[in-house]
Amino acid sequence: MKILVIYYSRSGNTKFVAQEIASNLNGDIKELIDKNKRQGIWGYFWSGYDALMKKKTDLEELDLDLAQYELMFLGCPNWAANIPPAIRTFLDRADLKNKKLALFCTQDSMGAERVLNNLRLLSKGAEIVDQHYFNRVEKNQDQVKAQIKKWTDKFKQ
C-alpha cells in the first residue's frame, strides 16, 4: 500500500510526528510550506488570529499526485482549537474524493477534538479511517514515539 503523510508545522512538533508516521509506515512525506512568515512571538499571535478567523494563506507549490496514494495521513498543530491556514488552504484545493485519510494533530493543551472535527468536515469526499492527537510532543518525545508506533501498527495489516 502506498502511503503519504502531509503536514503543516510551525514549531516542529507536527513535523516530528509526521516523520515518525512516515518512517513507521515506509511512506512518503510532504510538508506544506506557508509563504507567510509565522516565526517569533508576533508570528505566534498572528497565526492564532488567522486560525480563529478561518483564514487561508499562500502555499508554496505542491508537486504532488495524490492519485498514486492509497492512504494519506494529514496532520497539523492545534491553533486556538482551530486549523492553521495552510491546512485550510490545502483542503480547499485538494481533491480527496474517495481517498482514505487518517487525521492527526499536535497540541500543548486542549481543543484537539474540535480540530479533528473541523478536519473531517473540510476533507470533502474523503473516507476518514482514523484520527489521533498527540499532547506536548516536545516534552514527551519518547512517549509520543510509542503512541505513534501503536497507532501506525494498525495500518500495517
C-alpha atoms as a PDB file:
ATOM      1  CA  MET A   1       0.000   0.000   0.000  1.00  0.00           C
ATOM      2  CA  LYS A   2       1.401   3.404  -0.992  1.00  0.00           C
ATOM      3  CA  ILE A   3       1.190   5.920   1.876  1.00  0.00           C
ATOM      4  CA  LEU A   4       1.636   9.699   2.025  1.00  0.00           C
ATOM      5  CA  VAL A   5       1.967  11.880   5.104  1.00  0.00           C
ATOM      6  CA  ILE A   6       1.051  15.525   4.502  1.00  0.00           C
ATOM      7  CA  TYR A   7       1.539  18.017   7.310  1.00  0.00           C
ATOM      8  CA  TYR A   8       1.993  21.620   8.327  1.00  0.00           C
ATOM      9  CA  SER A   9       4.230  22.507  11.274  1.00  0.00           C
ATOM     10  CA  ARG A  10       5.194  25.914  12.656  1.00  0.00           C
ATOM     11  CA  SER A  11       7.286  24.903  15.657  1.00  0.00           C
ATOM     12  CA  GLY A  12       8.418  21.393  14.677  1.00  0.00           C
ATOM     13  CA  ASN A  13       6.108  19.266  16.831  1.00  0.00           C
ATOM     14  CA  THR A  14       3.827  18.202  13.998  1.00  0.00           C
ATOM     15  CA  LYS A  15       6.871  17.658  11.784  1.00  0.00           C
ATOM     16  CA  PHE A  16       8.289  15.265  14.393  1.00  0.00           C
ATOM     17  CA  VAL A  17       5.040  13.256  14.456  1.00  0.00           C
ATOM     18  CA  ALA A  18       4.748  13.256  10.652  1.00  0.00           C
ATOM     19  CA  GLN A  19       8.307  11.994  10.247  1.00  0.00           C
ATOM     20  CA  GLU A  20       7.691   9.209  12.752  1.00  0.00           C
ATOM     21  CA  ILE A  21       4.493   8.146  10.977  1.00  0.00           C
ATOM     22  CA  ALA A  22       6.210   8.142   7.580  1.00  0.00           C
ATOM     23  CA  SER A  23       9.171   6.215   8.984  1.00  0.00           C
ATOM     24  CA  ASN A  24       6.992   3.601  10.718  1.00  0.00           C
ATOM     25  CA  LEU A  25       4.931   3.005   7.586  1.00  0.00           C
ATOM     26  CA  ASN A  26       7.669   3.491   4.984  1.00  0.00           C
ATOM     27  CA  GLY A  27       5.561   6.278   3.474  1.00  0.00           C
ATOM     28  CA  ASP A  28       6.296   9.393   1.502  1.00  0.00           C
ATOM     29  CA  ILE A  29       6.161  12.710   3.310  1.00  0.00           C
ATOM     30  CA  LYS A  30       5.269  16.208   2.157  1.00  0.00           C
ATOM     31  CA  GLU A  31       5.391  19.401   4.192  1.00  0.00           C
ATOM     32  CA  LEU A  32       3.004  22.244   3.402  1.00  0.00           C
ATOM     33  CA  ILE A  33       5.003  25.482   3.315  1.00  0.00           C
ATOM     34  CA  ASP A  34       3.143  28.665   4.220  1.00  0.00           C
ATOM     35  CA  LYS A  35       4.570  31.684   2.371  1.00  0.00           C
ATOM     36  CA  ASN A  36       3.572  33.945   5.281  1.00  0.00           C
ATOM     37  CA  LYS A  37       6.248  34.266   7.923  1.00  0.00           C
ATOM     38  CA  ARG A  38       4.925  32.907  11.210  1.00  0.00           C
ATOM     39  CA  GLN A  39       8.084  32.831  13.358  1.00  0.00           C
ATOM     40  CA  GLY A  40       8.601  34.570  16.668  1.00  0.00           C
ATOM     41  CA  ILE A  41       6.144  35.866  19.195  1.00  0.00           C
ATOM     42  CA  TRP A  42       4.259  38.070  16.705  1.00  0.00           C
ATOM     43  CA  GLY A  43       4.055  35.174  14.272  1.00  0.00           C
ATOM     44  CA  TYR A  44       2.568  33.094  17.066  1.00  0.00           C
ATOM     45  CA  PHE A  45      -0.133  35.671  17.833  1.00  0.00           C
ATOM     46  CA  TRP A  46      -0.994  36.396  14.176  1.00  0.00           C
ATOM     47  CA  SER A  47      -1.117  32.682  13.457  1.00  0.00           C
ATOM     48  CA  GLY A  48      -3.652  32.147  16.221  1.00  0.00           C
ATOM     49  CA  TYR A  49      -5.695  35.089  14.963  1.00  0.00           C
ATOM     50  CA  ASP A  50      -5.631  33.803  11.372  1.00  0.00           C
ATOM     51  CA  ALA A  51      -6.757  30.372  12.583  1.00  0.00           C
ATOM     52  CA  LEU A  52      -9.605  31.866  14.649  1.00  0.00           C
ATOM     53  CA  MET A  53     -10.735  33.906  11.639  1.00  0.00           C
ATOM     54  CA  LYS A  54     -10.612  30.775   9.441  1.00  0.00           C
ATOM     55  CA  LYS A  55      -8.237  32.482   7.019  1.00  0.00           C
ATOM     56  CA  LYS A  56      -6.436  30.819   4.147  1.00  0.00           C
ATOM     57  CA  THR A  57      -2.879  31.549   3.059  1.00  0.00           C
ATOM     58  CA  ASP A  58      -0.457  31.336   0.164  1.00  0.00           C
ATOM     59  CA  LEU A  59       1.272  27.970  -0.035  1.00  0.00           C
ATOM     60  CA  GLU A  60       4.407  27.046  -1.908  1.00  0.00           C
ATOM     61  CA  GLU A  61       3.511  24.993  -4.961  1.00  0.00           C
ATOM     62  CA  LEU A  62       2.989  21.289  -4.277  1.00  0.00           C
ATOM     63  CA  ASP A  63       4.398  18.917  -6.866  1.00  0.00           C
ATOM     64  CA  LEU A  64       2.234  16.027  -5.799  1.00  0.00           C
ATOM     65  CA  ASP A  65      -0.019  13.463  -7.453  1.00  0.00           C
ATOM     66  CA  LEU A  66      -2.468  12.361  -4.769  1.00  0.00           C
ATOM     67  CA  ALA A  67      -3.962   9.740  -7.105  1.00  0.00           C
ATOM     68  CA  GLN A  68      -0.984   7.437  -6.594  1.00  0.00           C
ATOM     69  CA  TYR A  69      -1.599   7.050  -2.835  1.00  0.00           C
ATOM     70  CA  GLU A  70      -3.965   4.544  -1.258  1.00  0.00           C
ATOM     71  CA  LEU A  71      -3.772   6.022   2.240  1.00  0.00           C
ATOM     72  CA  MET A  72      -2.910   9.535   3.343  1.00  0.00           C
ATOM     73  CA  PHE A  73      -2.220  10.984   6.754  1.00  0.00           C
ATOM     74  CA  LEU A  74      -2.971  14.679   7.256  1.00  0.00           C
ATOM     75  CA  GLY A  75      -1.582  16.473  10.286  1.00  0.00           C
ATOM     76  CA  CYS A  76      -1.438  19.914  11.804  1.00  0.00           C
ATOM     77  CA  PRO A  77      -0.968  21.741  15.073  1.00  0.00           C
ATOM     78  CA  ASN A  78      -3.914  22.856  17.166  1.00  0.00           C
ATOM     79  CA  TRP A  79      -4.002  26.649  16.985  1.00  0.00           C
ATOM     80  CA  ALA A  80      -6.514  28.001  19.486  1.00  0.00           C
ATOM     81  CA  ALA A  81      -8.684  24.910  18.847  1.00  0.00           C
ATOM     82  CA  ASN A  82      -8.628  25.713  15.124  1.00  0.00           C
ATOM     83  CA  ILE A  83      -6.929  24.597  11.917  1.00  0.00           C
ATOM     84  CA  PRO A  84      -3.897  26.525  10.626  1.00  0.00           C
ATOM     85  CA  PRO A  85      -4.459  28.488   7.405  1.00  0.00           C
ATOM     86  CA  ALA A  86      -2.035  26.243   5.469  1.00  0.00           C
ATOM     87  CA  ILE A  87      -4.185  23.160   6.134  1.00  0.00           C
ATOM     88  CA  ARG A  88      -7.401  25.066   5.405  1.00  0.00           C
ATOM     89  CA  THR A  89      -5.918  26.168   2.052  1.00  0.00           C
ATOM     90  CA  PHE A  90      -4.720  22.656   1.206  1.00  0.00           C
ATOM     91  CA  LEU A  91      -8.120  21.127   1.972  1.00  0.00           C
ATOM     92  CA  ASP A  92      -9.852  23.782  -0.107  1.00  0.00           C
ATOM     93  CA  ARG A  93      -7.699  22.908  -3.148  1.00  0.00           C
ATOM     94  CA  ALA A  94      -7.138  19.149  -2.825  1.00  0.00           C
ATOM     95  CA  ASP A  95      -9.325  16.543  -4.488  1.00  0.00           C
ATOM     96  CA  LEU A  96      -9.757  13.960  -1.742  1.00  0.00           C
ATOM     97  CA  LYS A  97     -12.794  12.248  -3.219  1.00  0.00           C
ATOM     98  CA  ASN A  98     -12.723   8.517  -2.384  1.00  0.00           C
ATOM     99  CA  LYS A  99      -9.352   8.855  -0.622  1.00  0.00           C
ATOM    100  CA  LYS A 100      -8.642   7.053   2.648  1.00  0.00           C
ATOM    101  CA  LEU A 101      -7.470   9.652   5.135  1.00  0.00           C
ATOM    102  CA  ALA A 102      -6.124   9.398   8.678  1.00  0.00           C
ATOM    103  CA  LEU A 103      -6.052  12.664  10.614  1.00  0.00           C
ATOM    104  CA  PHE A 104      -3.738  13.785  13.397  1.00  0.00           C
ATOM    105  CA  CYS A 105      -2.930  16.918  15.327  1.00  0.00           C
ATOM    106  CA  THR A 106      -0.495  18.071  17.968  1.00  0.00           C
ATOM    107  CA  GLN A 107      -1.259  20.306  20.922  1.00  0.00           C
ATOM    108  CA  ASP A 108       0.017  21.606  24.232  1.00  0.00           C
ATOM    109  CA  SER A 109      -3.306  21.995  25.996  1.00  0.00           C
ATOM    110  CA  MET A 110      -6.804  21.200  24.735  1.00  0.00           C
ATOM    111  CA  GLY A 111      -9.091  21.534  21.731  1.00  0.00           C
ATOM    112  CA  ALA A 112      -7.900  18.601  19.606  1.00  0.00           C
ATOM    113  CA  GLU A 113     -11.397  17.192  19.271  1.00  0.00           C
ATOM    114  CA  ARG A 114     -12.551  20.424  17.653  1.00  0.00           C
ATOM    115  CA  VAL A 115      -9.524  20.492  15.326  1.00  0.00           C
ATOM    116  CA  LEU A 116     -10.092  16.888  14.252  1.00  0.00           C
ATOM    117  CA  ASN A 117     -13.808  17.516  13.760  1.00  0.00           C
ATOM    118  CA  ASN A 118     -13.041  20.516  11.523  1.00  0.00           C
ATOM    119  CA  LEU A 119     -10.507  18.468   9.565  1.00  0.00           C
ATOM    120  CA  ARG A 120     -13.197  15.821   8.982  1.00  0.00           C
ATOM    121  CA  LEU A 121     -15.706  18.436   7.839  1.00  0.00           C
ATOM    122  CA  LEU A 122     -13.254  20.054   5.411  1.00  0.00           C
ATOM    123  CA  SER A 123     -11.956  16.770   3.958  1.00  0.00           C
ATOM    124  CA  LYS A 124     -14.706  16.697   1.357  1.00  0.00           C
ATOM    125  CA  GLY A 125     -15.229  13.304  -0.227  1.00  0.00           C
ATOM    126  CA  ALA A 126     -12.539  11.528   1.796  1.00  0.00           C
ATOM    127  CA  GLU A 127     -13.138   8.403   3.841  1.00  0.00           C
ATOM    128  CA  ILE A 128     -11.788   9.199   7.296  1.00  0.00           C
ATOM    129  CA  VAL A 129     -10.339   5.899   8.518  1.00  0.00           C
ATOM    130  CA  ASP A 130      -8.913   7.067  11.838  1.00  0.00           C
ATOM    131  CA  GLN A 131      -7.716  10.038  13.868  1.00  0.00           C
ATOM    132  CA  HIS A 132      -5.365  10.703  16.737  1.00  0.00           C
ATOM    133  CA  TYR A 133      -3.914  13.627  18.648  1.00  0.00           C
ATOM    134  CA  PHE A 134      -0.606  13.950  20.445  1.00  0.00           C
ATOM    135  CA  ASN A 135      -0.040  16.098  23.551  1.00  0.00           C
ATOM    136  CA  ARG A 136       3.096  18.024  24.466  1.00  0.00           C
ATOM    137  CA  VAL A 137       5.243  16.407  21.793  1.00  0.00           C
ATOM    138  CA  GLU A 138       8.424  18.337  22.549  1.00  0.00           C
ATOM    139  CA  LYS A 139       8.331  17.475  26.259  1.00  0.00           C
ATOM    140  CA  ASN A 140       7.303  13.817  25.822  1.00  0.00           C
ATOM    141  CA  GLN A 141       9.059  12.611  22.669  1.00  0.00           C
ATOM    142  CA  ASP A 142       9.642   9.050  23.878  1.00  0.00           C
ATOM    143  CA  GLN A 143       6.021   8.633  24.966  1.00  0.00           C
ATOM    144  CA  VAL A 144       4.794  10.182  21.727  1.00  0.00           C
ATOM    145  CA  LYS A 145       7.009   7.835  19.685  1.00  0.00           C
ATOM    146  CA  ALA A 146       5.413   4.887  21.499  1.00  0.00           C
ATOM    147  CA  GLN A 147       1.910   6.278  20.826  1.00  0.00           C
ATOM    148  CA  ILE A 148       2.750   6.770  17.139  1.00  0.00           C
ATOM    149  CA  LYS A 149       4.079   3.220  16.856  1.00  0.00           C
ATOM    150  CA  LYS A 150       0.950   1.784  18.469  1.00  0.00           C
ATOM    151  CA  TRP A 151      -1.289   3.910  16.229  1.00  0.00           C
ATOM    152  CA  THR A 152       0.567   3.176  12.979  1.00  0.00           C
ATOM    153  CA  ASP A 153       0.802  -0.562  13.669  1.00  0.00           C
ATOM    154  CA  LYS A 154      -2.947  -0.701  12.918  1.00  0.00           C
ATOM    155  CA  PHE A 155      -2.218   0.311   9.330  1.00  0.00           C
ATOM    156  CA  LYS A 156       0.385  -2.400   8.685  1.00  0.00           C
ATOM    157  CA  GLN A 157      -2.145  -5.217   8.303  1.00  0.00           C
END
